[in-house]
PDB file of all heavy atoms in Angstrom:
ATOM      1  N   GLN A   1     -46.130 154.761 207.243  1.00  0.00           N
ATOM      2  CA  GLN A   1     -44.671 154.895 207.278  1.00  0.00           C
ATOM      3  C   GLN A   1     -44.058 154.902 205.807  1.00  0.00           C
ATOM      4  O   GLN A   1     -43.138 155.636 205.524  1.00  0.00           O
ATOM      5  CB  GLN A   1     -44.048 153.748 208.043  1.00  0.00           C
ATOM      6  CG  GLN A   1     -44.101 153.902 209.521  1.00  0.00           C
ATOM      7  CD  GLN A   1     -43.044 154.918 210.009  1.00  0.00           C
ATOM      8  OE1 GLN A   1     -42.051 155.250 209.260  1.00  0.00           O
ATOM      9  NE2 GLN A   1     -43.202 155.395 211.196  1.00  0.00           N
ATOM     10  N   VAL A   2     -44.637 154.114 204.976  1.00  0.00           N
ATOM     11  CA  VAL A   2     -44.125 153.992 203.619  1.00  0.00           C
ATOM     12  C   VAL A   2     -44.173 155.334 202.872  1.00  0.00           C
ATOM     13  O   VAL A   2     -43.322 155.744 202.116  1.00  0.00           O
ATOM     14  CB  VAL A   2     -44.779 152.857 202.816  1.00  0.00           C
ATOM     15  CG1 VAL A   2     -46.207 153.195 202.486  1.00  0.00           C
ATOM     16  CG2 VAL A   2     -43.914 152.620 201.532  1.00  0.00           C
ATOM     17  N   ASP A   3     -45.298 156.075 203.116  1.00  0.00           N
ATOM     18  CA  ASP A   3     -45.466 157.383 202.493  1.00  0.00           C
ATOM     19  C   ASP A   3     -44.486 158.400 203.110  1.00  0.00           C
ATOM     20  O   ASP A   3     -43.924 159.257 202.361  1.00  0.00           O
ATOM     21  CB  ASP A   3     -46.869 157.897 202.717  1.00  0.00           C
ATOM     22  CG  ASP A   3     -47.920 157.137 201.862  1.00  0.00           C
ATOM     23  OD1 ASP A   3     -47.503 156.566 200.857  1.00  0.00           O
ATOM     24  OD2 ASP A   3     -49.086 157.166 202.159  1.00  0.00           O
ATOM     25  N   ARG A   4     -44.264 158.293 204.394  1.00  0.00           N
ATOM     26  CA  ARG A   4     -43.247 159.225 205.010  1.00  0.00           C
ATOM     27  C   ARG A   4     -41.839 158.998 204.429  1.00  0.00           C
ATOM     28  O   ARG A   4     -41.155 159.981 204.092  1.00  0.00           O
ATOM     29  CB  ARG A   4     -43.264 158.977 206.509  1.00  0.00           C
ATOM     30  CG  ARG A   4     -44.481 159.341 207.246  1.00  0.00           C
ATOM     31  CD  ARG A   4     -44.268 159.151 208.776  1.00  0.00           C
ATOM     32  NE  ARG A   4     -45.536 159.246 209.490  1.00  0.00           N
ATOM     33  CZ  ARG A   4     -45.635 159.316 210.846  1.00  0.00           C
ATOM     34  NH1 ARG A   4     -44.567 159.339 211.563  1.00  0.00           N
ATOM     35  NH2 ARG A   4     -46.801 159.369 211.404  1.00  0.00           N
ATOM     36  N   GLY A   5     -41.453 157.734 204.276  1.00  0.00           N
ATOM     37  CA  GLY A   5     -40.174 157.394 203.748  1.00  0.00           C
ATOM     38  C   GLY A   5     -40.094 157.826 202.305  1.00  0.00           C
ATOM     39  O   GLY A   5     -39.066 158.402 201.846  1.00  0.00           O
ATOM     40  N   ALA A   6     -41.080 157.572 201.528  1.00  0.00           N
ATOM     41  CA  ALA A   6     -41.069 157.899 200.105  1.00  0.00           C
ATOM     42  C   ALA A   6     -41.014 159.377 199.918  1.00  0.00           C
ATOM     43  O   ALA A   6     -40.361 159.923 198.970  1.00  0.00           O
ATOM     44  CB  ALA A   6     -42.274 157.310 199.392  1.00  0.00           C
ATOM     45  N   LEU A   7     -41.794 160.162 200.779  1.00  0.00           N
ATOM     46  CA  LEU A   7     -41.743 161.588 200.707  1.00  0.00           C
ATOM     47  C   LEU A   7     -40.401 162.143 200.965  1.00  0.00           C
ATOM     48  O   LEU A   7     -39.839 163.042 200.253  1.00  0.00           O
ATOM     49  CB  LEU A   7     -42.736 162.181 201.758  1.00  0.00           C
ATOM     50  CG  LEU A   7     -44.172 162.395 201.289  1.00  0.00           C
ATOM     51  CD1 LEU A   7     -45.059 162.731 202.436  1.00  0.00           C
ATOM     52  CD2 LEU A   7     -44.298 163.526 200.268  1.00  0.00           C
ATOM     53  N   MET A   8     -39.740 161.617 201.960  1.00  0.00           N
ATOM     54  CA  MET A   8     -38.357 162.061 202.320  1.00  0.00           C
ATOM     55  C   MET A   8     -37.399 161.804 201.197  1.00  0.00           C
ATOM     56  O   MET A   8     -36.536 162.632 200.836  1.00  0.00           O
ATOM     57  CB  MET A   8     -37.864 161.369 203.570  1.00  0.00           C
ATOM     58  CG  MET A   8     -38.638 161.790 204.850  1.00  0.00           C
ATOM     59  SD  MET A   8     -38.247 163.471 205.412  1.00  0.00           S
ATOM     60  CE  MET A   8     -36.663 163.189 206.145  1.00  0.00           C
ATOM     61  N   SER A   9     -37.551 160.596 200.541  1.00  0.00           N
ATOM     62  CA  SER A   9     -36.679 160.237 199.462  1.00  0.00           C
ATOM     63  C   SER A   9     -36.967 161.126 198.217  1.00  0.00           C
ATOM     64  O   SER A   9     -36.024 161.611 197.542  1.00  0.00           O
ATOM     65  CB  SER A   9     -36.799 158.774 199.166  1.00  0.00           C
ATOM     66  OG  SER A   9     -35.875 158.400 198.150  1.00  0.00           O
ATOM     67  N   ARG A  10     -38.235 161.303 197.908  1.00  0.00           N
ATOM     68  CA  ARG A  10     -38.600 162.061 196.688  1.00  0.00           C
ATOM     69  C   ARG A  10     -38.201 163.515 196.873  1.00  0.00           C
ATOM     70  O   ARG A  10     -37.779 164.162 195.888  1.00  0.00           O
ATOM     71  CB  ARG A  10     -40.140 161.978 196.532  1.00  0.00           C
ATOM     72  CG  ARG A  10     -40.718 162.799 195.391  1.00  0.00           C
ATOM     73  CD  ARG A  10     -40.440 162.066 194.098  1.00  0.00           C
ATOM     74  NE  ARG A  10     -40.979 162.814 192.951  1.00  0.00           N
ATOM     75  CZ  ARG A  10     -40.272 163.616 192.167  1.00  0.00           C
ATOM     76  NH1 ARG A  10     -38.975 163.770 192.314  1.00  0.00           N
ATOM     77  NH2 ARG A  10     -40.854 164.244 191.182  1.00  0.00           N
ATOM     78  N   TYR A  11     -38.153 163.954 198.060  1.00  0.00           N
ATOM     79  CA  TYR A  11     -37.735 165.323 198.457  1.00  0.00           C
ATOM     80  C   TYR A  11     -36.405 165.618 197.864  1.00  0.00           C
ATOM     81  O   TYR A  11     -36.085 166.819 197.529  1.00  0.00           O
ATOM     82  CB  TYR A  11     -37.723 165.401 199.929  1.00  0.00           C
ATOM     83  CG  TYR A  11     -37.885 166.699 200.633  1.00  0.00           C
ATOM     84  CD1 TYR A  11     -38.557 167.716 200.075  1.00  0.00           C
ATOM     85  CD2 TYR A  11     -37.265 166.894 201.893  1.00  0.00           C
ATOM     86  CE1 TYR A  11     -38.722 168.969 200.684  1.00  0.00           C
ATOM     87  CE2 TYR A  11     -37.417 168.150 202.528  1.00  0.00           C
ATOM     88  CZ  TYR A  11     -38.150 169.206 201.941  1.00  0.00           C
ATOM     89  OH  TYR A  11     -38.242 170.368 202.557  1.00  0.00           O
ATOM     90  N   SER A  12     -35.481 164.629 197.884  1.00  0.00           N
ATOM     91  CA  SER A  12     -34.122 164.886 197.446  1.00  0.00           C
ATOM     92  C   SER A  12     -33.908 164.850 195.939  1.00  0.00           C
ATOM     93  O   SER A  12     -32.824 165.193 195.501  1.00  0.00           O
ATOM     94  CB  SER A  12     -33.182 163.788 198.084  1.00  0.00           C
ATOM     95  OG  SER A  12     -33.493 162.580 197.532  1.00  0.00           O
ATOM     96  N   ARG A  13     -35.002 164.618 195.220  1.00  0.00           N
ATOM     97  CA  ARG A  13     -34.902 164.507 193.785  1.00  0.00           C
ATOM     98  C   ARG A  13     -35.773 165.463 192.984  1.00  0.00           C
ATOM     99  O   ARG A  13     -36.091 165.268 191.849  1.00  0.00           O
ATOM    100  CB  ARG A  13     -35.218 163.068 193.334  1.00  0.00           C
ATOM    101  CG  ARG A  13     -34.253 162.036 193.882  1.00  0.00           C
ATOM    102  CD  ARG A  13     -34.618 160.591 193.633  1.00  0.00           C
ATOM    103  NE  ARG A  13     -33.694 159.693 194.283  1.00  0.00           N
ATOM    104  CZ  ARG A  13     -32.694 159.152 193.630  1.00  0.00           C
ATOM    105  NH1 ARG A  13     -32.425 159.431 192.395  1.00  0.00           N
ATOM    106  NH2 ARG A  13     -31.875 158.261 194.305  1.00  0.00           N
ATOM    107  N   THR A  14     -36.137 166.558 193.677  1.00  0.00           N
ATOM    108  CA  THR A  14     -36.951 167.578 193.053  1.00  0.00           C
ATOM    109  C   THR A  14     -36.812 168.834 193.797  1.00  0.00           C
ATOM    110  O   THR A  14     -36.380 168.881 194.976  1.00  0.00           O
ATOM    111  CB  THR A  14     -38.501 167.213 193.111  1.00  0.00           C
ATOM    112  OG1 THR A  14     -39.263 168.233 192.531  1.00  0.00           O
ATOM    113  CG2 THR A  14     -38.961 166.953 194.533  1.00  0.00           C
ATOM    114  N   ASP A  15     -37.129 170.032 193.137  1.00  0.00           N
ATOM    115  CA  ASP A  15     -37.020 171.289 193.844  1.00  0.00           C
ATOM    116  C   ASP A  15     -38.405 171.747 194.351  1.00  0.00           C
ATOM    117  O   ASP A  15     -38.568 172.815 194.873  1.00  0.00           O
ATOM    118  CB  ASP A  15     -36.488 172.377 192.827  1.00  0.00           C
ATOM    119  CG  ASP A  15     -37.378 172.533 191.627  1.00  0.00           C
ATOM    120  OD1 ASP A  15     -38.373 171.850 191.494  1.00  0.00           O
ATOM    121  OD2 ASP A  15     -37.007 173.449 190.824  1.00  0.00           O
ATOM    122  N   LYS A  16     -39.343 170.855 194.273  1.00  0.00           N
ATOM    123  CA  LYS A  16     -40.677 171.135 194.917  1.00  0.00           C
ATOM    124  C   LYS A  16     -40.565 171.089 196.427  1.00  0.00           C
ATOM    125  O   LYS A  16     -39.757 170.411 196.972  1.00  0.00           O
ATOM    126  CB  LYS A  16     -41.745 170.066 194.484  1.00  0.00           C
ATOM    127  CG  LYS A  16     -42.149 170.143 193.010  1.00  0.00           C
ATOM    128  CD  LYS A  16     -43.177 169.050 192.751  1.00  0.00           C
ATOM    129  CE  LYS A  16     -43.672 169.026 191.327  1.00  0.00           C
ATOM    130  NZ  LYS A  16     -44.693 167.967 191.102  1.00  0.00           N
ATOM    131  N   SER A  17     -41.476 171.771 197.151  1.00  0.00           N
ATOM    132  CA  SER A  17     -41.607 171.647 198.532  1.00  0.00           C
ATOM    133  C   SER A  17     -42.241 170.288 198.889  1.00  0.00           C
ATOM    134  O   SER A  17     -42.928 169.725 198.043  1.00  0.00           O
ATOM    135  CB  SER A  17     -42.399 172.750 199.133  1.00  0.00           C
ATOM    136  OG  SER A  17     -43.796 172.570 198.785  1.00  0.00           O
ATOM    137  N   MET A  18     -42.030 169.757 200.053  1.00  0.00           N
ATOM    138  CA  MET A  18     -42.513 168.418 200.395  1.00  0.00           C
ATOM    139  C   MET A  18     -44.032 168.409 200.390  1.00  0.00           C
ATOM    140  O   MET A  18     -44.664 167.441 199.894  1.00  0.00           O
ATOM    141  CB  MET A  18     -42.034 168.013 201.796  1.00  0.00           C
ATOM    142  CG  MET A  18     -42.527 166.599 202.169  1.00  0.00           C
ATOM    143  SD  MET A  18     -41.911 166.000 203.742  1.00  0.00           S
ATOM    144  CE  MET A  18     -40.227 165.735 203.326  1.00  0.00           C
ATOM    145  N   ARG A  19     -44.692 169.422 200.904  1.00  0.00           N
ATOM    146  CA  ARG A  19     -46.134 169.494 200.908  1.00  0.00           C
ATOM    147  C   ARG A  19     -46.703 169.559 199.501  1.00  0.00           C
ATOM    148  O   ARG A  19     -47.767 168.972 199.198  1.00  0.00           O
ATOM    149  CB  ARG A  19     -46.639 170.576 201.839  1.00  0.00           C
ATOM    150  CG  ARG A  19     -46.379 170.304 203.287  1.00  0.00           C
ATOM    151  CD  ARG A  19     -46.578 171.520 204.174  1.00  0.00           C
ATOM    152  NE  ARG A  19     -45.612 172.579 203.873  1.00  0.00           N
ATOM    153  CZ  ARG A  19     -45.335 173.532 204.784  1.00  0.00           C
ATOM    154  NH1 ARG A  19     -45.833 173.597 205.985  1.00  0.00           N
ATOM    155  NH2 ARG A  19     -44.447 174.465 204.459  1.00  0.00           N
ATOM    156  N   ARG A  20     -45.988 170.216 198.582  1.00  0.00           N
ATOM    157  CA  ARG A  20     -46.457 170.270 197.189  1.00  0.00           C
ATOM    158  C   ARG A  20     -46.259 168.912 196.548  1.00  0.00           C
ATOM    159  O   ARG A  20     -47.160 168.489 195.796  1.00  0.00           O
ATOM    160  CB  ARG A  20     -45.568 171.374 196.441  1.00  0.00           C
ATOM    161  CG  ARG A  20     -45.824 171.343 194.938  1.00  0.00           C
ATOM    162  CD  ARG A  20     -47.316 171.594 194.592  1.00  0.00           C
ATOM    163  NE  ARG A  20     -47.738 172.916 195.135  1.00  0.00           N
ATOM    164  CZ  ARG A  20     -49.048 173.253 195.140  1.00  0.00           C
ATOM    165  NH1 ARG A  20     -49.988 172.425 194.794  1.00  0.00           N
ATOM    166  NH2 ARG A  20     -49.423 174.458 195.624  1.00  0.00           N
ATOM    167  N   ILE A  21     -45.177 168.200 196.856  1.00  0.00           N
ATOM    168  CA  ILE A  21     -45.008 166.867 196.411  1.00  0.00           C
ATOM    169  C   ILE A  21     -46.177 165.987 196.817  1.00  0.00           C
ATOM    170  O   ILE A  21     -46.721 165.184 196.018  1.00  0.00           O
ATOM    171  CB  ILE A  21     -43.669 166.259 196.901  1.00  0.00           C
ATOM    172  CG1 ILE A  21     -42.504 166.984 196.377  1.00  0.00           C
ATOM    173  CG2 ILE A  21     -43.638 164.773 196.561  1.00  0.00           C
ATOM    174  CD1 ILE A  21     -41.192 166.563 197.032  1.00  0.00           C
ATOM    175  N   PHE A  22     -46.582 166.109 198.059  1.00  0.00           N
ATOM    176  CA  PHE A  22     -47.670 165.304 198.590  1.00  0.00           C
ATOM    177  C   PHE A  22     -48.958 165.607 197.835  1.00  0.00           C
ATOM    178  O   PHE A  22     -49.680 164.622 197.422  1.00  0.00           O
ATOM    179  CB  PHE A  22     -47.801 165.577 200.026  1.00  0.00           C
ATOM    180  CG  PHE A  22     -48.880 164.677 200.692  1.00  0.00           C
ATOM    181  CD1 PHE A  22     -48.605 163.381 201.100  1.00  0.00           C
ATOM    182  CD2 PHE A  22     -50.182 165.148 200.907  1.00  0.00           C
ATOM    183  CE1 PHE A  22     -49.564 162.623 201.671  1.00  0.00           C
ATOM    184  CE2 PHE A  22     -51.136 164.339 201.447  1.00  0.00           C
ATOM    185  CZ  PHE A  22     -50.858 163.063 201.810  1.00  0.00           C
ATOM    186  N   LEU A  23     -49.300 166.862 197.656  1.00  0.00           N
ATOM    187  CA  LEU A  23     -50.556 167.140 196.865  1.00  0.00           C
ATOM    188  C   LEU A  23     -50.511 166.719 195.474  1.00  0.00           C
ATOM    189  O   LEU A  23     -51.484 166.169 194.941  1.00  0.00           O
ATOM    190  CB  LEU A  23     -50.696 168.751 196.964  1.00  0.00           C
ATOM    191  CG  LEU A  23     -51.082 169.288 198.360  1.00  0.00           C
ATOM    192  CD1 LEU A  23     -51.018 170.798 198.281  1.00  0.00           C
ATOM    193  CD2 LEU A  23     -52.443 168.854 198.842  1.00  0.00           C
ATOM    194  N   ASP A  24     -49.330 166.917 194.822  1.00  0.00           N
ATOM    195  CA  ASP A  24     -49.267 166.580 193.336  1.00  0.00           C
ATOM    196  C   ASP A  24     -49.120 165.120 193.119  1.00  0.00           C
ATOM    197  O   ASP A  24     -49.655 164.623 192.108  1.00  0.00           O
ATOM    198  CB  ASP A  24     -48.075 167.268 192.793  1.00  0.00           C
ATOM    199  CG  ASP A  24     -48.269 168.862 192.730  1.00  0.00           C
ATOM    200  OD1 ASP A  24     -49.344 169.311 193.028  1.00  0.00           O
ATOM    201  OD2 ASP A  24     -47.252 169.505 192.402  1.00  0.00           O
ATOM    202  N   GLU A  25     -48.447 164.339 193.943  1.00  0.00           N
ATOM    203  CA  GLU A  25     -48.078 162.983 193.639  1.00  0.00           C
ATOM    204  C   GLU A  25     -48.582 161.876 194.534  1.00  0.00           C
ATOM    205  O   GLU A  25     -48.643 160.743 194.091  1.00  0.00           O
ATOM    206  CB  GLU A  25     -46.520 162.937 193.515  1.00  0.00           C
ATOM    207  CG  GLU A  25     -45.938 163.936 192.536  1.00  0.00           C
ATOM    208  CD  GLU A  25     -44.391 163.841 192.559  1.00  0.00           C
ATOM    209  OE1 GLU A  25     -43.876 162.800 192.954  1.00  0.00           O
ATOM    210  OE2 GLU A  25     -43.724 164.882 192.139  1.00  0.00           O
ATOM    211  N   PHE A  26     -48.928 162.238 195.761  1.00  0.00           N
ATOM    212  CA  PHE A  26     -49.286 161.206 196.723  1.00  0.00           C
ATOM    213  C   PHE A  26     -50.791 161.201 197.158  1.00  0.00           C
ATOM    214  O   PHE A  26     -51.339 160.131 197.339  1.00  0.00           O
ATOM    215  CB  PHE A  26     -48.448 161.323 197.998  1.00  0.00           C
ATOM    216  CG  PHE A  26     -47.070 160.937 197.886  1.00  0.00           C
ATOM    217  CD1 PHE A  26     -46.132 161.664 197.195  1.00  0.00           C
ATOM    218  CD2 PHE A  26     -46.614 159.762 198.468  1.00  0.00           C
ATOM    219  CE1 PHE A  26     -44.762 161.301 197.120  1.00  0.00           C
ATOM    220  CE2 PHE A  26     -45.316 159.337 198.359  1.00  0.00           C
ATOM    221  CZ  PHE A  26     -44.418 160.108 197.667  1.00  0.00           C
TER     222      PHE A  26
END
């Protein structure tokens, strides 16, 4: 759950796609 929440929040602070954020940062 913490990753889901963090992904959603991080999503609003970058122009990357969510799945790209996950691959690059999580």
